[in-house]
Amino acid sequence: MIKKYLSLLGIAVLLFFCACSSQTELVSHSKSDFKIFISKNAAKPEQYAARELQKYLQKISGCLLPIVNENKADDKMIYIGFQNAPHALTHDLKPAAFGKEEYIIRSDGKNLLIAGGAPRGTLYGVLGYLGDIWDAAGIRVKS
């Protein structure tokens, strides 16, 4: 049973590494060029979402991605929430049109956006993103 679980966990990690696009690795050998971006003005649920993403990415990959409030043009980011996300990720989106629990997960090949409606949409997006990795690998947790 343990071998099966470890195999499935390995599959989940591989899927996670390729989460942004087929050419972009999020984490490789417990190292990453990515940072988690959260606006200085982010709501509490978005701040919590960033911390949860950071925590579980570290548990899955062994890599601690820093949470930042500033970015440079060449930085690779996981944007949490719509605020200050690049136009390439948000150009056709209207954040106010998202329902309280609706979210979007989108990549432009370099960066990843996880954002949703206030107050909980972005948090649900992060949880959905993490859950999709586990579901794709067929991992189930018994209570």
N, C-alpha and C. Protein backbone atom coordinates (compact mmCIF):
# COMPACT_ATOMS: atom_id res chain seq x y z
N MET A 1 0.82 -1.20 0.00
CA MET A 1 0.00 0.00 0.00
C MET A 1 0.87 1.27 0.00
N ILE A 2 1.95 1.22 0.77
CA ILE A 2 2.84 2.39 0.85
C ILE A 2 3.49 2.64 -0.51
N LYS A 3 3.91 1.56 -1.21
CA LYS A 3 4.52 1.73 -2.53
C LYS A 3 3.54 2.38 -3.50
N LYS A 4 2.28 1.96 -3.42
CA LYS A 4 1.26 2.53 -4.29
C LYS A 4 1.09 4.02 -3.98
N TYR A 5 1.02 4.37 -2.71
CA TYR A 5 0.86 5.76 -2.30
C TYR A 5 2.06 6.59 -2.78
N LEU A 6 3.28 6.08 -2.59
CA LEU A 6 4.46 6.82 -3.01
C LEU A 6 4.49 6.99 -4.53
N SER A 7 4.06 5.97 -5.26
CA SER A 7 4.00 6.09 -6.72
C SER A 7 3.03 7.17 -7.13
N LEU A 8 1.86 7.18 -6.49
CA LEU A 8 0.87 8.21 -6.81
C LEU A 8 1.36 9.59 -6.42
N LEU A 9 2.06 9.66 -5.30
CA LEU A 9 2.61 10.94 -4.87
C LEU A 9 3.63 11.43 -5.90
N GLY A 10 4.45 10.52 -6.41
CA GLY A 10 5.41 10.88 -7.45
C GLY A 10 4.74 11.43 -8.69
N ILE A 11 3.64 10.81 -9.09
CA ILE A 11 2.88 11.29 -10.24
C ILE A 11 2.34 12.70 -9.97
N ALA A 12 1.83 12.90 -8.76
CA ALA A 12 1.29 14.21 -8.39
C ALA A 12 2.38 15.28 -8.47
N VAL A 13 3.56 14.95 -7.99
CA VAL A 13 4.66 15.91 -8.02
C VAL A 13 5.05 16.22 -9.47
N LEU A 14 5.12 15.20 -10.31
CA LEU A 14 5.44 15.44 -11.72
C LEU A 14 4.40 16.34 -12.38
N LEU A 15 3.14 16.08 -12.10
CA LEU A 15 2.09 16.94 -12.65
C LEU A 15 2.25 18.36 -12.15
N PHE A 16 2.59 18.49 -10.90
CA PHE A 16 2.76 19.81 -10.31
C PHE A 16 3.89 20.57 -10.98
N PHE A 17 4.99 19.88 -11.26
CA PHE A 17 6.12 20.54 -11.87
C PHE A 17 5.76 21.15 -13.22
N CYS A 18 4.82 20.56 -13.90
CA CYS A 18 4.44 21.03 -15.24
C CYS A 18 3.15 21.83 -15.19
N ALA A 19 2.80 22.40 -14.06
CA ALA A 19 1.50 23.01 -13.86
C ALA A 19 1.29 24.30 -14.65
N CYS A 20 2.32 25.04 -14.95
CA CYS A 20 2.12 26.31 -15.65
C CYS A 20 1.94 26.11 -17.14
N SER A 21 2.80 25.34 -17.76
CA SER A 21 2.67 25.04 -19.17
C SER A 21 3.56 23.86 -19.48
N SER A 22 3.45 23.36 -20.68
CA SER A 22 4.25 22.21 -21.03
C SER A 22 5.74 22.52 -21.08
N GLN A 23 6.13 23.80 -21.17
CA GLN A 23 7.53 24.16 -21.25
C GLN A 23 8.05 24.79 -19.96
N THR A 24 7.22 25.02 -18.99
CA THR A 24 7.62 25.70 -17.78
C THR A 24 7.53 24.75 -16.60
N GLU A 25 8.65 24.58 -15.90
CA GLU A 25 8.65 23.79 -14.68
C GLU A 25 8.52 24.74 -13.51
N LEU A 26 7.57 24.45 -12.66
CA LEU A 26 7.37 25.27 -11.47
C LEU A 26 8.46 24.98 -10.44
N VAL A 27 8.74 23.70 -10.22
CA VAL A 27 9.76 23.27 -9.28
C VAL A 27 10.54 22.14 -9.92
N SER A 28 11.86 22.17 -9.78
CA SER A 28 12.71 21.09 -10.27
C SER A 28 13.81 20.85 -9.25
N HIS A 29 13.93 19.62 -8.81
CA HIS A 29 14.95 19.25 -7.82
C HIS A 29 14.87 20.13 -6.57
N SER A 30 13.65 20.36 -6.11
CA SER A 30 13.38 21.17 -4.91
C SER A 30 13.84 22.62 -5.03
N LYS A 31 13.96 23.11 -6.28
CA LYS A 31 14.33 24.51 -6.52
C LYS A 31 13.35 25.12 -7.51
N SER A 32 13.16 26.43 -7.39
CA SER A 32 12.22 27.11 -8.28
C SER A 32 12.67 28.54 -8.51
N ASP A 33 12.38 29.04 -9.70
CA ASP A 33 12.59 30.45 -10.01
C ASP A 33 11.34 31.27 -9.71
N PHE A 34 10.25 30.59 -9.34
CA PHE A 34 8.98 31.26 -9.11
C PHE A 34 8.89 31.87 -7.72
N LYS A 35 8.10 32.93 -7.67
CA LYS A 35 7.73 33.57 -6.41
C LYS A 35 6.22 33.66 -6.39
N ILE A 36 5.66 33.75 -5.20
CA ILE A 36 4.22 33.95 -5.04
C ILE A 36 3.99 35.43 -4.82
N PHE A 37 3.24 36.04 -5.73
CA PHE A 37 2.98 37.48 -5.64
C PHE A 37 1.61 37.73 -5.02
N ILE A 38 1.59 38.62 -4.06
CA ILE A 38 0.34 39.07 -3.45
C ILE A 38 0.43 40.59 -3.30
N SER A 39 -0.61 41.29 -3.68
CA SER A 39 -0.63 42.75 -3.58
C SER A 39 -0.50 43.20 -2.13
N LYS A 40 0.13 44.35 -1.94
CA LYS A 40 0.22 44.93 -0.59
C LYS A 40 -1.17 45.22 -0.03
N ASN A 41 -2.15 45.43 -0.90
CA ASN A 41 -3.51 45.77 -0.48
C ASN A 41 -4.46 44.58 -0.52
N ALA A 42 -3.92 43.38 -0.60
CA ALA A 42 -4.76 42.18 -0.73
C ALA A 42 -5.64 41.98 0.50
N ALA A 43 -6.83 41.47 0.25
CA ALA A 43 -7.76 41.15 1.33
C ALA A 43 -7.21 39.97 2.14
N LYS A 44 -7.69 39.83 3.36
CA LYS A 44 -7.23 38.76 4.27
C LYS A 44 -7.36 37.37 3.64
N PRO A 45 -8.49 37.03 2.98
CA PRO A 45 -8.57 35.70 2.38
C PRO A 45 -7.51 35.46 1.29
N GLU A 46 -7.13 36.50 0.55
CA GLU A 46 -6.08 36.35 -0.46
C GLU A 46 -4.72 36.18 0.20
N GLN A 47 -4.47 36.88 1.28
CA GLN A 47 -3.22 36.72 2.02
C GLN A 47 -3.12 35.29 2.55
N TYR A 48 -4.22 34.81 3.10
CA TYR A 48 -4.27 33.43 3.60
C TYR A 48 -4.05 32.44 2.46
N ALA A 49 -4.64 32.69 1.31
CA ALA A 49 -4.48 31.82 0.15
C ALA A 49 -3.01 31.72 -0.26
N ALA A 50 -2.31 32.85 -0.26
CA ALA A 50 -0.88 32.85 -0.61
C ALA A 50 -0.08 32.00 0.37
N ARG A 51 -0.37 32.14 1.66
CA ARG A 51 0.35 31.35 2.67
C ARG A 51 0.04 29.86 2.54
N GLU A 52 -1.20 29.53 2.25
CA GLU A 52 -1.58 28.12 2.07
C GLU A 52 -0.89 27.54 0.84
N LEU A 53 -0.86 28.30 -0.25
CA LEU A 53 -0.18 27.83 -1.45
C LEU A 53 1.30 27.58 -1.14
N GLN A 54 1.93 28.53 -0.48
CA GLN A 54 3.33 28.39 -0.12
C GLN A 54 3.55 27.14 0.74
N LYS A 55 2.72 26.96 1.75
CA LYS A 55 2.86 25.83 2.67
C LYS A 55 2.74 24.49 1.96
N TYR A 56 1.71 24.36 1.12
CA TYR A 56 1.48 23.06 0.49
C TYR A 56 2.43 22.81 -0.69
N LEU A 57 2.87 23.84 -1.36
CA LEU A 57 3.89 23.65 -2.38
C LEU A 57 5.17 23.13 -1.76
N GLN A 58 5.50 23.65 -0.58
CA GLN A 58 6.69 23.17 0.11
C GLN A 58 6.52 21.71 0.53
N LYS A 59 5.33 21.36 1.03
CA LYS A 59 5.09 19.97 1.43
C LYS A 59 5.16 19.03 0.24
N ILE A 60 4.66 19.46 -0.91
CA ILE A 60 4.65 18.62 -2.10
C ILE A 60 6.04 18.51 -2.72
N SER A 61 6.76 19.63 -2.82
CA SER A 61 7.99 19.67 -3.61
C SER A 61 9.27 19.80 -2.80
N GLY A 62 9.17 20.22 -1.54
CA GLY A 62 10.37 20.48 -0.76
C GLY A 62 10.95 21.86 -1.01
N CYS A 63 10.28 22.66 -1.80
CA CYS A 63 10.77 23.99 -2.16
C CYS A 63 9.88 25.06 -1.55
N LEU A 64 10.47 26.01 -0.85
CA LEU A 64 9.72 27.12 -0.26
C LEU A 64 9.78 28.31 -1.20
N LEU A 65 8.66 28.61 -1.84
CA LEU A 65 8.58 29.78 -2.72
C LEU A 65 8.34 31.02 -1.87
N PRO A 66 9.11 32.08 -2.08
CA PRO A 66 8.90 33.29 -1.30
C PRO A 66 7.60 34.00 -1.70
N ILE A 67 6.98 34.63 -0.72
CA ILE A 67 5.81 35.47 -0.97
C ILE A 67 6.32 36.91 -1.05
N VAL A 68 6.01 37.58 -2.16
CA VAL A 68 6.51 38.94 -2.39
C VAL A 68 5.36 39.89 -2.72
N ASN A 69 5.65 41.19 -2.56
CA ASN A 69 4.69 42.25 -2.90
C ASN A 69 5.16 43.09 -4.07
N GLU A 70 6.35 42.82 -4.58
CA GLU A 70 6.91 43.57 -5.70
C GLU A 70 7.48 42.57 -6.71
N ASN A 71 7.52 43.01 -7.96
CA ASN A 71 8.09 42.13 -8.98
C ASN A 71 8.88 42.94 -9.99
N LYS A 72 9.76 42.23 -10.68
CA LYS A 72 10.54 42.81 -11.77
C LYS A 72 10.05 42.16 -13.05
N ALA A 73 10.34 42.78 -14.16
CA ALA A 73 9.83 42.30 -15.45
C ALA A 73 10.23 40.86 -15.76
N ASP A 74 11.41 40.44 -15.32
CA ASP A 74 11.86 39.09 -15.66
C ASP A 74 11.53 38.05 -14.58
N ASP A 75 10.86 38.45 -13.50
CA ASP A 75 10.47 37.51 -12.45
C ASP A 75 9.40 36.55 -12.94
N LYS A 76 9.46 35.32 -12.47
CA LYS A 76 8.41 34.34 -12.72
C LYS A 76 7.52 34.33 -11.48
N MET A 77 6.23 34.54 -11.69
CA MET A 77 5.32 34.72 -10.56
C MET A 77 4.11 33.81 -10.64
N ILE A 78 3.62 33.48 -9.45
CA ILE A 78 2.28 32.94 -9.30
C ILE A 78 1.50 34.09 -8.67
N TYR A 79 0.64 34.71 -9.43
CA TYR A 79 -0.14 35.85 -8.94
C TYR A 79 -1.37 35.35 -8.20
N ILE A 80 -1.50 35.79 -6.96
CA ILE A 80 -2.66 35.43 -6.15
C ILE A 80 -3.56 36.66 -6.10
N GLY A 81 -4.69 36.58 -6.77
CA GLY A 81 -5.60 37.71 -6.88
C GLY A 81 -5.33 38.53 -8.13
N PHE A 82 -6.30 39.36 -8.48
CA PHE A 82 -6.21 40.16 -9.69
C PHE A 82 -5.30 41.37 -9.57
N GLN A 83 -5.14 41.91 -8.35
CA GLN A 83 -4.40 43.15 -8.16
C GLN A 83 -2.95 43.02 -8.61
N ASN A 84 -2.54 43.89 -9.49
CA ASN A 84 -1.17 44.00 -10.00
C ASN A 84 -0.73 42.81 -10.86
N ALA A 85 -1.67 41.97 -11.26
CA ALA A 85 -1.32 40.88 -12.18
C ALA A 85 -1.10 41.48 -13.56
N PRO A 86 -0.21 40.91 -14.36
CA PRO A 86 0.09 41.49 -15.67
C PRO A 86 -1.09 41.41 -16.63
N HIS A 87 -1.11 42.36 -17.54
CA HIS A 87 -2.18 42.47 -18.53
C HIS A 87 -2.33 41.19 -19.35
N ALA A 88 -1.22 40.52 -19.62
CA ALA A 88 -1.27 39.27 -20.41
C ALA A 88 -2.15 38.22 -19.76
N LEU A 89 -2.29 38.28 -18.44
CA LEU A 89 -3.12 37.31 -17.72
C LEU A 89 -4.54 37.80 -17.45
N THR A 90 -4.75 39.11 -17.51
CA THR A 90 -6.05 39.67 -17.08
C THR A 90 -6.77 40.47 -18.15
N HIS A 91 -6.21 40.59 -19.34
CA HIS A 91 -6.71 41.52 -20.36
C HIS A 91 -8.20 41.36 -20.67
N ASP A 92 -8.74 40.17 -20.62
CA ASP A 92 -10.14 39.96 -20.97
C ASP A 92 -11.02 39.65 -19.76
N LEU A 93 -10.51 39.88 -18.57
CA LEU A 93 -11.24 39.53 -17.34
C LEU A 93 -11.81 40.78 -16.67
N LYS A 94 -12.97 40.62 -16.09
CA LYS A 94 -13.58 41.68 -15.29
C LYS A 94 -13.74 41.13 -13.87
N PRO A 95 -12.80 41.47 -12.98
CA PRO A 95 -12.83 40.91 -11.63
C PRO A 95 -14.17 41.11 -10.91
N ALA A 96 -14.82 42.23 -11.13
CA ALA A 96 -16.09 42.50 -10.46
C ALA A 96 -17.20 41.55 -10.92
N ALA A 97 -17.01 40.92 -12.07
CA ALA A 97 -18.03 40.01 -12.60
C ALA A 97 -17.94 38.61 -11.97
N PHE A 98 -16.87 38.34 -11.25
CA PHE A 98 -16.72 37.03 -10.62
C PHE A 98 -17.59 36.94 -9.38
N GLY A 99 -18.29 35.81 -9.23
CA GLY A 99 -19.08 35.56 -8.03
C GLY A 99 -18.18 35.33 -6.82
N LYS A 100 -18.78 35.30 -5.65
CA LYS A 100 -18.03 35.17 -4.39
C LYS A 100 -17.14 33.94 -4.36
N GLU A 101 -17.53 32.89 -5.04
CA GLU A 101 -16.78 31.64 -4.97
C GLU A 101 -16.22 31.22 -6.33
N GLU A 102 -16.34 32.07 -7.33
CA GLU A 102 -15.81 31.76 -8.65
C GLU A 102 -14.33 32.12 -8.73
N TYR A 103 -13.61 31.36 -9.53
CA TYR A 103 -12.19 31.65 -9.70
C TYR A 103 -11.72 31.23 -11.09
N ILE A 104 -10.51 31.71 -11.41
CA ILE A 104 -9.87 31.34 -12.67
C ILE A 104 -8.42 30.98 -12.36
N ILE A 105 -7.93 29.98 -13.08
CA ILE A 105 -6.52 29.61 -13.03
C ILE A 105 -6.03 29.71 -14.46
N ARG A 106 -5.02 30.52 -14.68
CA ARG A 106 -4.60 30.81 -16.06
C ARG A 106 -3.09 31.03 -16.09
N SER A 107 -2.47 30.58 -17.18
CA SER A 107 -1.04 30.78 -17.39
C SER A 107 -0.82 31.47 -18.72
N ASP A 108 0.21 32.29 -18.79
CA ASP A 108 0.62 32.88 -20.06
C ASP A 108 1.89 32.22 -20.58
N GLY A 109 2.26 31.09 -19.99
CA GLY A 109 3.47 30.37 -20.37
C GLY A 109 4.67 30.72 -19.51
N LYS A 110 4.60 31.88 -18.85
CA LYS A 110 5.68 32.30 -17.94
C LYS A 110 5.16 32.43 -16.51
N ASN A 111 3.99 33.04 -16.36
CA ASN A 111 3.42 33.29 -15.06
C ASN A 111 2.09 32.55 -14.91
N LEU A 112 1.65 32.43 -13.67
CA LEU A 112 0.39 31.77 -13.36
C LEU A 112 -0.47 32.74 -12.57
N LEU A 113 -1.75 32.77 -12.90
CA LEU A 113 -2.72 33.60 -12.17
C LEU A 113 -3.72 32.67 -11.51
N ILE A 114 -3.93 32.87 -10.21
CA ILE A 114 -5.00 32.21 -9.48
C ILE A 114 -5.77 33.35 -8.81
N ALA A 115 -6.98 33.60 -9.28
CA ALA A 115 -7.73 34.75 -8.79
C ALA A 115 -9.23 34.45 -8.85
N GLY A 116 -9.98 35.18 -8.03
CA GLY A 116 -11.42 34.97 -8.04
C GLY A 116 -12.17 36.11 -7.36
N GLY A 117 -13.46 35.90 -7.26
CA GLY A 117 -14.33 36.90 -6.66
C GLY A 117 -14.12 37.04 -5.17
N ALA A 118 -14.49 38.19 -4.65
CA ALA A 118 -14.38 38.46 -3.21
C ALA A 118 -15.59 37.86 -2.51
N PRO A 119 -15.46 37.36 -1.33
CA PRO A 119 -14.24 37.36 -0.53
C PRO A 119 -13.42 36.07 -0.63
N ARG A 120 -14.01 34.96 -1.12
CA ARG A 120 -13.32 33.68 -1.04
C ARG A 120 -12.89 33.07 -2.36
N GLY A 121 -13.19 33.67 -3.47
CA GLY A 121 -12.91 33.05 -4.76
C GLY A 121 -11.45 32.72 -4.98
N THR A 122 -10.56 33.63 -4.63
CA THR A 122 -9.14 33.37 -4.82
C THR A 122 -8.66 32.22 -3.94
N LEU A 123 -9.11 32.20 -2.70
CA LEU A 123 -8.77 31.09 -1.80
C LEU A 123 -9.26 29.77 -2.38
N TYR A 124 -10.48 29.74 -2.88
CA TYR A 124 -11.00 28.52 -3.49
C TYR A 124 -10.20 28.15 -4.74
N GLY A 125 -9.71 29.14 -5.45
CA GLY A 125 -8.87 28.88 -6.61
C GLY A 125 -7.57 28.18 -6.22
N VAL A 126 -6.94 28.65 -5.16
CA VAL A 126 -5.71 28.01 -4.68
C VAL A 126 -6.01 26.58 -4.23
N LEU A 127 -7.08 26.40 -3.48
CA LEU A 127 -7.44 25.05 -3.03
C LEU A 127 -7.80 24.16 -4.20
N GLY A 128 -8.49 24.71 -5.19
CA GLY A 128 -8.82 23.95 -6.39
C GLY A 128 -7.58 23.56 -7.17
N TYR A 129 -6.64 24.48 -7.28
CA TYR A 129 -5.38 24.22 -7.98
C TYR A 129 -4.64 23.06 -7.31
N LEU A 130 -4.50 23.14 -5.99
CA LEU A 130 -3.82 22.07 -5.26
C LEU A 130 -4.59 20.76 -5.36
N GLY A 131 -5.92 20.85 -5.26
CA GLY A 131 -6.75 19.65 -5.36
C GLY A 131 -6.69 18.99 -6.72
N ASP A 132 -6.61 19.80 -7.77
CA ASP A 132 -6.52 19.25 -9.13
C ASP A 132 -5.26 18.41 -9.31
N ILE A 133 -4.18 18.82 -8.68
CA ILE A 133 -2.94 18.06 -8.77
C ILE A 133 -3.14 16.67 -8.16
N TRP A 134 -3.77 16.65 -6.98
CA TRP A 134 -3.99 15.37 -6.31
C TRP A 134 -4.99 14.51 -7.07
N ASP A 135 -6.07 15.12 -7.57
CA ASP A 135 -7.07 14.36 -8.31
C ASP A 135 -6.51 13.76 -9.59
N ALA A 136 -5.69 14.54 -10.29
CA ALA A 136 -5.11 14.05 -11.55
C ALA A 136 -4.23 12.83 -11.31
N ALA A 137 -3.63 12.76 -10.14
CA ALA A 137 -2.78 11.63 -9.81
C ALA A 137 -3.58 10.46 -9.21
N GLY A 138 -4.86 10.68 -8.95
CA GLY A 138 -5.69 9.61 -8.40
C GLY A 138 -5.46 9.36 -6.91
N ILE A 139 -4.91 10.32 -6.21
CA ILE A 139 -4.63 10.15 -4.79
C ILE A 139 -5.89 10.43 -3.99
N ARG A 140 -6.20 9.53 -3.08
CA ARG A 140 -7.35 9.70 -2.20
C ARG A 140 -6.88 9.60 -0.76
N VAL A 141 -7.44 10.40 0.09
CA VAL A 141 -7.10 10.38 1.51
C VAL A 141 -8.30 9.81 2.27
N LYS A 142 -8.03 8.78 3.07
CA LYS A 142 -9.09 8.19 3.89
C LYS A 142 -9.13 8.88 5.22
N SER A 143 -10.34 9.12 5.71
CA SER A 143 -10.43 9.77 7.02
C SER A 143 -10.69 8.76 8.10
